Amino acid sequence: MKWLERAIEKLLSTSSLVAGRARGRVLAIRGATLKRKTFFGPRCKVERPWCVSIGDRFVAEDGVYLKIVDDNAVLEFGDFVFVGRGSEFDVGEKVSVGDHTVIAPGCFITDHNHGISPLARVDQQDCIAMPVTIGKDVWLGAKVVVVAGVRIGDGAVVGASSVVTQDVPPMAVVAGVPARLLRYRGNQEASSAAGHIT
């Protein structure tokens, strides 16, 4: 009976892949720029798809939300990018994500904040946008928050539940609220002392 269970699992997996790629094709029809083999899980939502550009073999798990709030905004994903379940991109101007970057479930990336002048209520103030750049080969752990104006360098790692409020150097490992430098990738002594980043 194991063969039957495996056959059913393979069939379900194949049908899920076909459905995910079909959702990608629908986005292309709605105006998104897509390369090959784009996959969107169920319950993904994309506002203003004509503002989105996606590279080869992009994967978005269930419930990813690409919230573009301005007709002239830009959201760019490189090749082989993975976005985990329930992550959200809130874009008013520009967010770009480099090739081979992994974004774990529940992350929130935004390029704008409300104004906080004491002369008016917060809900009366315009948002202030500053582009966000996430480099190549970056790993954002689960539930990371990236705020406006931040640049995360190539090869950086951000620990789970961190809030990134300033630029992260290439190959840096950061964590915390706000995120602070722990070490650089490749520094074995510091790696064994500090433990794992998830």
Protein backbone atom coordinates (compact mmCIF):
# COMPACT_ATOMS: atom_id res chain seq x y z
CA MET A 1 0.00 0.00 0.00
CA LYS A 2 3.02 2.32 0.35
CA TRP A 3 3.22 2.57 -3.43
CA LEU A 4 -0.39 3.80 -3.55
CA GLU A 5 0.27 6.46 -0.89
CA ARG A 6 3.36 7.61 -2.81
CA ALA A 7 1.45 7.69 -6.10
CA ILE A 8 -1.33 9.79 -4.56
CA GLU A 9 1.20 12.15 -2.97
CA LYS A 10 3.01 12.56 -6.31
CA LEU A 11 -0.27 13.30 -8.09
CA LEU A 12 -1.23 15.91 -5.48
CA SER A 13 2.21 17.48 -5.66
CA THR A 14 2.07 17.67 -9.46
CA SER A 15 -1.41 19.19 -9.44
CA SER A 16 -0.26 21.78 -6.86
CA LEU A 17 2.72 22.70 -9.06
CA VAL A 18 0.49 23.09 -12.14
CA ALA A 19 -1.99 25.25 -10.20
CA GLY A 20 0.81 27.44 -8.78
CA ARG A 21 2.28 28.04 -12.22
CA ALA A 22 -1.17 28.79 -13.62
CA ARG A 23 -1.62 31.48 -10.94
CA GLY A 24 1.65 32.99 -12.18
CA ARG A 25 0.39 33.04 -15.76
CA VAL A 26 -2.78 34.83 -14.62
CA LEU A 27 -0.57 37.53 -13.08
CA ALA A 28 1.23 37.90 -16.41
CA ILE A 29 -2.13 38.40 -18.12
CA ARG A 30 -2.90 41.08 -15.51
CA GLY A 31 0.32 42.91 -16.43
CA ALA A 32 3.14 41.45 -14.30
CA THR A 33 6.50 40.80 -15.99
CA LEU A 34 7.40 37.16 -15.36
CA LYS A 35 10.21 34.91 -16.52
CA ARG A 36 10.08 31.11 -16.55
CA LYS A 37 8.58 28.76 -13.97
CA THR A 38 7.00 31.23 -11.57
CA PHE A 39 4.98 29.63 -8.75
CA PHE A 40 2.34 31.29 -6.54
CA GLY A 41 0.69 29.30 -3.77
CA PRO A 42 -3.00 29.52 -2.95
CA ARG A 43 -4.40 32.67 -1.33
CA CYS A 44 -1.58 34.88 -2.64
CA LYS A 45 -2.72 38.42 -3.39
CA VAL A 46 -1.09 40.90 -5.78
CA GLU A 47 -2.25 44.50 -6.10
CA ARG A 48 -1.19 46.45 -9.21
CA PRO A 49 0.56 43.49 -10.87
CA TRP A 50 1.85 45.72 -13.69
CA CYS A 51 4.31 47.13 -11.10
CA VAL A 52 5.83 43.68 -10.43
CA SER A 53 8.83 42.11 -12.20
CA ILE A 54 9.76 38.50 -11.34
CA GLY A 55 12.78 36.42 -12.39
CA ASP A 56 13.18 32.73 -13.23
CA ARG A 57 11.96 30.05 -10.80
CA PHE A 58 10.39 32.42 -8.29
CA VAL A 59 8.37 30.69 -5.54
CA ALA A 60 5.78 32.35 -3.29
CA GLU A 61 4.18 30.06 -0.72
CA ASP A 62 0.55 30.30 0.47
CA GLY A 63 -0.82 33.67 1.47
CA VAL A 64 2.01 35.92 0.23
CA TYR A 65 0.77 39.51 -0.21
CA LEU A 66 2.38 41.86 -2.73
CA LYS A 67 0.73 45.15 -1.76
CA ILE A 68 1.73 47.87 -4.19
CA VAL A 69 0.10 51.15 -3.14
CA ASP A 70 1.05 53.44 -6.04
CA ASP A 71 0.64 53.00 -9.80
CA ASN A 72 4.27 54.08 -10.35
CA ALA A 73 5.82 51.85 -7.67
CA VAL A 74 8.26 49.04 -8.57
CA LEU A 75 8.66 45.62 -6.97
CA GLU A 76 11.47 43.51 -8.47
CA PHE A 77 12.48 39.94 -7.69
CA GLY A 78 15.59 38.31 -9.17
CA ASP A 79 16.03 34.69 -10.23
CA PHE A 80 15.54 31.76 -7.82
CA VAL A 81 13.90 33.86 -5.09
CA PHE A 82 11.82 32.07 -2.42
CA VAL A 83 9.16 33.92 -0.38
CA GLY A 84 7.70 32.04 2.59
CA ARG A 85 4.11 31.64 3.63
CA GLY A 86 2.31 34.78 4.81
CA SER A 87 5.06 37.27 3.96
CA GLU A 88 4.06 40.78 2.86
CA PHE A 89 5.70 43.41 0.67
CA ASP A 90 4.16 46.88 1.16
CA VAL A 91 5.55 49.06 -1.64
CA GLY A 92 4.98 52.74 -2.34
CA GLU A 93 8.11 53.51 -4.36
CA LYS A 94 10.61 50.67 -4.91
CA VAL A 95 11.67 47.37 -3.37
CA SER A 96 14.14 45.04 -5.08
CA VAL A 97 15.24 41.53 -4.09
CA GLY A 98 18.35 39.92 -5.59
CA ASP A 99 18.91 36.46 -7.04
CA HIS A 100 18.94 33.35 -4.82
CA THR A 101 17.46 35.15 -1.81
CA VAL A 102 15.36 33.23 0.72
CA ILE A 103 12.64 35.03 2.66
CA ALA A 104 11.19 32.86 5.43
CA PRO A 105 7.50 32.81 6.44
CA GLY A 106 5.85 35.84 8.01
CA CYS A 107 8.30 38.54 6.90
CA PHE A 108 7.20 42.15 6.35
CA ILE A 109 9.11 44.44 3.99
CA THR A 110 8.06 48.06 3.41
CA ASP A 111 9.60 51.10 1.77
CA HIS A 112 7.44 53.77 3.44
CA ASN A 113 6.34 55.14 6.80
CA HIS A 114 3.67 57.59 7.93
CA GLY A 115 4.80 61.11 8.72
CA ILE A 116 4.86 61.87 12.46
CA SER A 117 4.78 65.66 12.60
CA PRO A 118 3.09 66.90 15.79
CA LEU A 119 1.22 69.49 13.71
CA ALA A 120 -1.28 66.98 12.30
CA ARG A 121 -2.83 63.64 13.13
CA VAL A 122 -0.87 60.63 11.85
CA ASP A 123 -3.74 59.59 9.55
CA GLN A 124 -3.67 63.04 7.90
CA GLN A 125 0.00 62.88 6.97
CA ASP A 126 1.54 61.64 3.75
CA CYS A 127 3.70 58.55 3.75
CA ILE A 128 7.44 59.06 3.30
CA ALA A 129 8.96 56.50 0.92
CA MET A 130 12.61 55.44 0.62
CA PRO A 131 13.66 52.48 -1.58
CA VAL A 132 14.59 49.14 -0.03
CA THR A 133 17.25 46.90 -1.57
CA ILE A 134 17.73 43.29 -0.51
CA GLY A 135 20.83 41.85 -2.18
CA LYS A 136 21.68 38.48 -3.69
CA ASP A 137 22.06 35.30 -1.61
CA VAL A 138 20.35 36.89 1.41
CA TRP A 139 18.44 34.92 4.04
CA LEU A 140 15.72 36.63 6.07
CA GLY A 141 14.62 34.42 8.98
CA ALA A 142 10.98 33.98 9.98
CA LYS A 143 9.01 37.14 10.85
CA VAL A 144 11.77 39.62 9.96
CA VAL A 145 10.67 43.24 9.47
CA VAL A 146 12.58 45.46 7.01
CA VAL A 147 11.75 49.18 7.09
CA ALA A 148 12.05 52.03 4.60
CA GLY A 149 15.43 53.07 3.22
CA VAL A 150 17.32 49.91 4.22
CA ARG A 151 19.95 48.20 2.05
CA ILE A 152 20.79 44.59 2.90
CA GLY A 153 24.07 43.57 1.29
CA ASP A 154 24.76 40.43 -0.74
CA GLY A 155 25.16 37.28 1.33
CA ALA A 156 23.72 38.75 4.55
CA VAL A 157 21.67 36.74 7.06
CA VAL A 158 18.99 38.27 9.30
CA GLY A 159 17.87 36.27 12.35
CA ALA A 160 14.24 35.41 13.02
CA SER A 161 11.94 38.15 14.40
CA SER A 162 14.56 40.87 13.84
CA VAL A 163 13.67 44.43 12.86
CA VAL A 164 16.10 45.85 10.30
CA THR A 165 16.24 49.64 10.71
CA GLN A 166 19.67 50.36 9.17
CA ASP A 167 21.85 49.06 6.36
CA VAL A 168 23.32 45.56 6.69
CA PRO A 169 26.82 45.01 5.23
CA PRO A 170 27.47 42.20 2.74
CA MET A 171 28.00 38.76 4.37
CA ALA A 172 26.92 40.10 7.79
CA VAL A 173 24.87 38.04 10.24
CA VAL A 174 22.53 40.31 12.20
CA ALA A 175 19.72 39.77 14.71
CA GLY A 176 17.64 41.61 17.28
CA VAL A 177 15.29 44.55 17.68
CA PRO A 178 16.76 46.62 16.20
CA ALA A 179 19.00 44.21 14.28
CA ARG A 180 22.68 44.40 15.29
CA LEU A 181 25.81 42.84 13.83
CA LEU A 182 26.71 39.46 15.37
CA ARG A 183 29.46 38.34 13.00
CA TYR A 184 30.23 37.76 9.32
CA ARG A 185 29.57 34.55 7.39
CA GLY A 186 32.69 32.43 7.34
CA ASN A 187 33.88 33.43 10.81
CA GLN A 188 33.84 29.91 12.30
CA GLU A 189 34.93 30.77 15.86
CA ALA A 190 32.11 33.28 16.28
CA SER A 191 29.66 30.93 14.57
CA SER A 192 30.13 28.12 17.05
CA ALA A 193 29.89 30.51 20.01
CA ALA A 194 26.74 32.30 18.85
CA GLY A 195 24.71 29.26 17.74
CA HIS A 196 22.24 29.06 14.88
CA ILE A 197 20.25 31.77 13.14
CA THR A 198 16.75 30.63 12.15
